[in-house]
Amino acid sequence: MQVQHPYLQGSDYLKRTKVTPSLGAGDALLFCNAFFHKSENVHQGKRTAYILRLVPKDAKFSRTRLLGLKMLGQNLAVVNELLEQHYPDALETL
């Protein structure tokens, strides 16, 4: 019997169940912070657009999580845009 890599097992499970997992708002932001490190050579504005496309339109954002991501200093354009959109008063207090 051939042993299958855990990733492939998960892939097979998703194919069988026809379930596509979606990223929550915080998960998408954390994933993108890890994936798009600020040292990568990405044209200005394209990174922001890509990340915001990953985040669901009806996502509920945690003010604390957004402020924490802002303190990390990565993808500030995205975090600032989301703060401005969901918590405009948070930018005034910083």
N, C-alpha and C. Protein backbone atom coordinates (compact mmCIF):
# COMPACT_ATOMS: atom_id res chain seq x y z
N MET A 1 0.84 -1.19 0.00
CA MET A 1 0.00 0.00 0.00
C MET A 1 0.88 1.24 0.00
N GLN A 2 0.58 2.14 -0.89
CA GLN A 2 1.37 3.37 -1.01
C GLN A 2 0.86 4.41 -0.02
N VAL A 3 1.80 5.04 0.69
CA VAL A 3 1.43 6.08 1.66
C VAL A 3 1.34 7.41 0.91
N GLN A 4 0.23 8.10 1.13
CA GLN A 4 0.01 9.36 0.43
C GLN A 4 0.39 10.53 1.33
N HIS A 5 0.99 11.55 0.72
CA HIS A 5 1.37 12.76 1.43
C HIS A 5 0.11 13.39 2.03
N PRO A 6 0.19 13.94 3.28
CA PRO A 6 -0.99 14.53 3.92
C PRO A 6 -1.68 15.60 3.08
N TYR A 7 -0.90 16.38 2.33
CA TYR A 7 -1.51 17.41 1.48
C TYR A 7 -2.42 16.78 0.43
N LEU A 8 -1.95 15.69 -0.17
CA LEU A 8 -2.74 15.02 -1.20
C LEU A 8 -3.98 14.37 -0.60
N GLN A 9 -3.86 13.88 0.64
CA GLN A 9 -5.03 13.32 1.31
C GLN A 9 -6.10 14.39 1.49
N GLY A 10 -5.68 15.57 1.90
CA GLY A 10 -6.62 16.68 2.06
C GLY A 10 -7.24 17.08 0.74
N SER A 11 -6.42 17.08 -0.30
CA SER A 11 -6.91 17.42 -1.63
C SER A 11 -7.96 16.42 -2.09
N ASP A 12 -7.69 15.14 -1.86
CA ASP A 12 -8.65 14.09 -2.23
C ASP A 12 -9.96 14.27 -1.46
N TYR A 13 -9.85 14.61 -0.18
CA TYR A 13 -11.04 14.81 0.64
C TYR A 13 -11.89 15.95 0.07
N LEU A 14 -11.23 17.06 -0.29
CA LEU A 14 -11.98 18.19 -0.83
C LEU A 14 -12.65 17.84 -2.15
N LYS A 15 -11.97 17.03 -2.97
CA LYS A 15 -12.58 16.61 -4.24
C LYS A 15 -13.79 15.74 -3.99
N ARG A 16 -13.70 14.84 -3.01
CA ARG A 16 -14.81 13.94 -2.71
C ARG A 16 -16.01 14.68 -2.13
N THR A 17 -15.75 15.62 -1.25
CA THR A 17 -16.84 16.30 -0.55
C THR A 17 -17.34 17.53 -1.30
N LYS A 18 -16.60 17.96 -2.31
CA LYS A 18 -16.98 19.14 -3.10
C LYS A 18 -17.12 20.40 -2.24
N VAL A 19 -16.33 20.48 -1.21
CA VAL A 19 -16.36 21.65 -0.33
C VAL A 19 -15.12 22.48 -0.61
N THR A 20 -15.32 23.74 -0.85
CA THR A 20 -14.19 24.64 -1.04
C THR A 20 -14.07 25.51 0.19
N PRO A 21 -13.01 25.36 0.96
CA PRO A 21 -12.88 26.20 2.15
C PRO A 21 -12.63 27.65 1.76
N SER A 22 -13.20 28.57 2.49
CA SER A 22 -12.96 29.98 2.20
C SER A 22 -12.17 30.58 3.35
N LEU A 23 -11.42 31.60 3.02
CA LEU A 23 -10.63 32.29 4.03
C LEU A 23 -11.51 33.30 4.75
N GLY A 24 -11.37 33.35 6.05
CA GLY A 24 -12.02 34.42 6.79
C GLY A 24 -11.22 35.69 6.57
N ALA A 25 -11.77 36.81 7.00
CA ALA A 25 -11.10 38.09 6.78
C ALA A 25 -9.72 38.11 7.43
N GLY A 26 -9.65 37.70 8.69
CA GLY A 26 -8.37 37.71 9.39
C GLY A 26 -7.40 36.71 8.80
N ASP A 27 -7.90 35.53 8.44
CA ASP A 27 -7.04 34.52 7.84
C ASP A 27 -6.45 35.01 6.53
N ALA A 28 -7.28 35.67 5.73
CA ALA A 28 -6.80 36.18 4.44
C ALA A 28 -5.72 37.22 4.65
N LEU A 29 -5.92 38.11 5.61
CA LEU A 29 -4.91 39.15 5.85
C LEU A 29 -3.62 38.55 6.38
N LEU A 30 -3.73 37.60 7.31
CA LEU A 30 -2.52 36.98 7.85
C LEU A 30 -1.79 36.19 6.78
N PHE A 31 -2.54 35.48 5.94
CA PHE A 31 -1.95 34.72 4.85
C PHE A 31 -1.20 35.66 3.92
N CYS A 32 -1.82 36.76 3.58
CA CYS A 32 -1.20 37.69 2.64
C CYS A 32 0.00 38.39 3.26
N ASN A 33 -0.05 38.64 4.56
CA ASN A 33 1.12 39.24 5.21
C ASN A 33 2.30 38.28 5.15
N ALA A 34 2.03 36.99 5.27
CA ALA A 34 3.10 36.00 5.20
C ALA A 34 3.55 35.80 3.75
N PHE A 35 2.60 35.82 2.82
CA PHE A 35 2.91 35.51 1.43
C PHE A 35 3.60 36.67 0.72
N PHE A 36 3.10 37.87 0.93
CA PHE A 36 3.67 39.04 0.28
C PHE A 36 4.52 39.81 1.27
N HIS A 37 5.72 39.36 1.47
CA HIS A 37 6.61 40.08 2.37
C HIS A 37 6.95 41.41 1.74
N LYS A 38 7.12 42.44 2.56
CA LYS A 38 7.33 43.78 2.02
C LYS A 38 8.62 43.92 1.23
N SER A 39 9.53 42.96 1.33
CA SER A 39 10.77 43.06 0.56
C SER A 39 10.61 42.54 -0.86
N GLU A 40 9.45 41.94 -1.18
CA GLU A 40 9.26 41.42 -2.53
C GLU A 40 9.11 42.56 -3.52
N ASN A 41 9.58 42.30 -4.74
CA ASN A 41 9.51 43.30 -5.79
C ASN A 41 8.14 43.22 -6.47
N VAL A 42 7.19 43.98 -5.97
CA VAL A 42 5.83 44.00 -6.52
C VAL A 42 5.51 45.44 -6.87
N HIS A 43 4.92 45.66 -8.04
CA HIS A 43 4.57 47.02 -8.45
C HIS A 43 3.63 47.66 -7.43
N GLN A 44 3.85 48.92 -7.15
CA GLN A 44 3.05 49.64 -6.17
C GLN A 44 1.57 49.57 -6.54
N GLY A 45 0.74 49.21 -5.61
CA GLY A 45 -0.69 49.16 -5.84
C GLY A 45 -1.21 47.79 -6.23
N LYS A 46 -0.39 46.97 -6.87
CA LYS A 46 -0.85 45.65 -7.31
C LYS A 46 -1.01 44.71 -6.12
N ARG A 47 -0.11 44.79 -5.16
CA ARG A 47 -0.20 43.93 -3.97
C ARG A 47 -1.50 44.21 -3.22
N THR A 48 -1.80 45.49 -3.04
CA THR A 48 -3.01 45.88 -2.33
C THR A 48 -4.26 45.34 -3.03
N ALA A 49 -4.32 45.51 -4.34
CA ALA A 49 -5.49 45.05 -5.10
C ALA A 49 -5.63 43.54 -4.99
N TYR A 50 -4.53 42.81 -5.05
CA TYR A 50 -4.58 41.35 -4.97
C TYR A 50 -5.09 40.90 -3.61
N ILE A 51 -4.57 41.50 -2.57
CA ILE A 51 -4.97 41.10 -1.22
C ILE A 51 -6.44 41.42 -0.97
N LEU A 52 -6.87 42.59 -1.39
CA LEU A 52 -8.26 42.96 -1.15
C LEU A 52 -9.22 42.09 -1.94
N ARG A 53 -8.78 41.55 -3.06
CA ARG A 53 -9.63 40.62 -3.82
C ARG A 53 -9.82 39.31 -3.06
N LEU A 54 -8.85 38.91 -2.26
CA LEU A 54 -8.95 37.67 -1.50
C LEU A 54 -9.92 37.77 -0.32
N VAL A 55 -10.11 38.98 0.16
CA VAL A 55 -10.95 39.17 1.34
C VAL A 55 -12.41 39.29 0.91
N PRO A 56 -13.31 38.48 1.48
CA PRO A 56 -14.72 38.56 1.12
C PRO A 56 -15.31 39.95 1.37
N LYS A 57 -16.22 40.37 0.50
CA LYS A 57 -16.83 41.71 0.61
C LYS A 57 -17.62 41.88 1.91
N ASP A 58 -18.24 40.81 2.38
CA ASP A 58 -19.07 40.91 3.59
C ASP A 58 -18.30 40.51 4.85
N ALA A 59 -16.98 40.52 4.77
CA ALA A 59 -16.16 40.09 5.90
C ALA A 59 -16.30 41.06 7.07
N LYS A 60 -16.29 40.51 8.26
CA LYS A 60 -16.32 41.31 9.48
C LYS A 60 -14.90 41.37 10.03
N PHE A 61 -14.40 42.56 10.23
CA PHE A 61 -13.02 42.73 10.66
C PHE A 61 -12.96 43.09 12.13
N SER A 62 -11.95 42.55 12.78
CA SER A 62 -11.70 42.88 14.17
C SER A 62 -10.81 44.12 14.20
N ARG A 63 -11.27 45.12 14.91
CA ARG A 63 -10.48 46.35 15.04
C ARG A 63 -9.12 46.04 15.65
N THR A 64 -9.12 45.18 16.66
CA THR A 64 -7.87 44.82 17.33
C THR A 64 -6.91 44.13 16.38
N ARG A 65 -7.44 43.22 15.56
CA ARG A 65 -6.57 42.50 14.62
C ARG A 65 -6.00 43.45 13.57
N LEU A 66 -6.83 44.35 13.05
CA LEU A 66 -6.34 45.31 12.06
C LEU A 66 -5.27 46.22 12.65
N LEU A 67 -5.50 46.69 13.87
CA LEU A 67 -4.50 47.55 14.51
C LEU A 67 -3.22 46.77 14.79
N GLY A 68 -3.35 45.49 15.13
CA GLY A 68 -2.17 44.65 15.33
C GLY A 68 -1.38 44.48 14.05
N LEU A 69 -2.09 44.25 12.94
CA LEU A 69 -1.41 44.13 11.65
C LEU A 69 -0.74 45.44 11.26
N LYS A 70 -1.37 46.55 11.60
CA LYS A 70 -0.76 47.86 11.31
C LYS A 70 0.55 48.01 12.08
N MET A 71 0.56 47.55 13.32
CA MET A 71 1.78 47.64 14.12
C MET A 71 2.89 46.75 13.56
N LEU A 72 2.51 45.64 12.91
CA LEU A 72 3.52 44.78 12.28
C LEU A 72 4.22 45.49 11.13
N GLY A 73 3.52 46.42 10.49
CA GLY A 73 4.13 47.23 9.45
C GLY A 73 4.13 46.62 8.06
N GLN A 74 3.46 45.49 7.88
CA GLN A 74 3.42 44.89 6.54
C GLN A 74 2.09 45.21 5.89
N ASN A 75 2.14 45.44 4.58
CA ASN A 75 0.93 45.72 3.80
C ASN A 75 0.11 46.85 4.42
N LEU A 76 0.79 47.92 4.75
CA LEU A 76 0.11 49.05 5.39
C LEU A 76 -0.98 49.65 4.52
N ALA A 77 -0.80 49.64 3.21
CA ALA A 77 -1.82 50.19 2.33
C ALA A 77 -3.13 49.44 2.50
N VAL A 78 -3.05 48.12 2.59
CA VAL A 78 -4.25 47.29 2.76
C VAL A 78 -4.88 47.55 4.13
N VAL A 79 -4.07 47.48 5.16
CA VAL A 79 -4.58 47.64 6.52
C VAL A 79 -5.18 49.02 6.70
N ASN A 80 -4.49 50.06 6.19
CA ASN A 80 -5.03 51.42 6.31
C ASN A 80 -6.36 51.56 5.56
N GLU A 81 -6.45 50.96 4.39
CA GLU A 81 -7.70 51.03 3.62
C GLU A 81 -8.84 50.35 4.36
N LEU A 82 -8.56 49.18 4.95
CA LEU A 82 -9.59 48.47 5.69
C LEU A 82 -9.98 49.21 6.97
N LEU A 83 -9.00 49.81 7.63
CA LEU A 83 -9.31 50.60 8.82
C LEU A 83 -10.18 51.80 8.45
N GLU A 84 -9.81 52.46 7.35
CA GLU A 84 -10.57 53.63 6.90
C GLU A 84 -12.01 53.24 6.55
N GLN A 85 -12.15 52.07 5.95
CA GLN A 85 -13.47 51.60 5.52
C GLN A 85 -14.34 51.15 6.70
N HIS A 86 -13.75 50.42 7.65
CA HIS A 86 -14.53 49.81 8.73
C HIS A 86 -14.45 50.55 10.07
N TYR A 87 -13.31 51.14 10.35
CA TYR A 87 -13.11 51.83 11.63
C TYR A 87 -12.40 53.16 11.40
N PRO A 88 -13.05 54.15 10.79
CA PRO A 88 -12.38 55.42 10.46
C PRO A 88 -11.85 56.14 11.70
N ASP A 89 -12.49 55.95 12.84
CA ASP A 89 -12.03 56.61 14.06
C ASP A 89 -10.71 56.04 14.56
N ALA A 90 -10.37 54.81 14.16
CA ALA A 90 -9.12 54.18 14.62
C ALA A 90 -7.90 54.90 14.05
N LEU A 91 -8.00 55.42 12.84
CA LEU A 91 -6.87 56.12 12.23
C LEU A 91 -6.62 57.46 12.90
N GLU A 92 -7.68 58.08 13.43
CA GLU A 92 -7.54 59.37 14.09
C GLU A 92 -6.83 59.24 15.43
N THR A 93 -7.00 58.09 16.10
CA THR A 93 -6.43 57.92 17.43
C THR A 93 -4.98 57.48 17.40
N LEU A 94 -4.48 57.09 16.22
CA LEU A 94 -3.09 56.60 16.15
C LEU A 94 -2.11 57.73 16.00
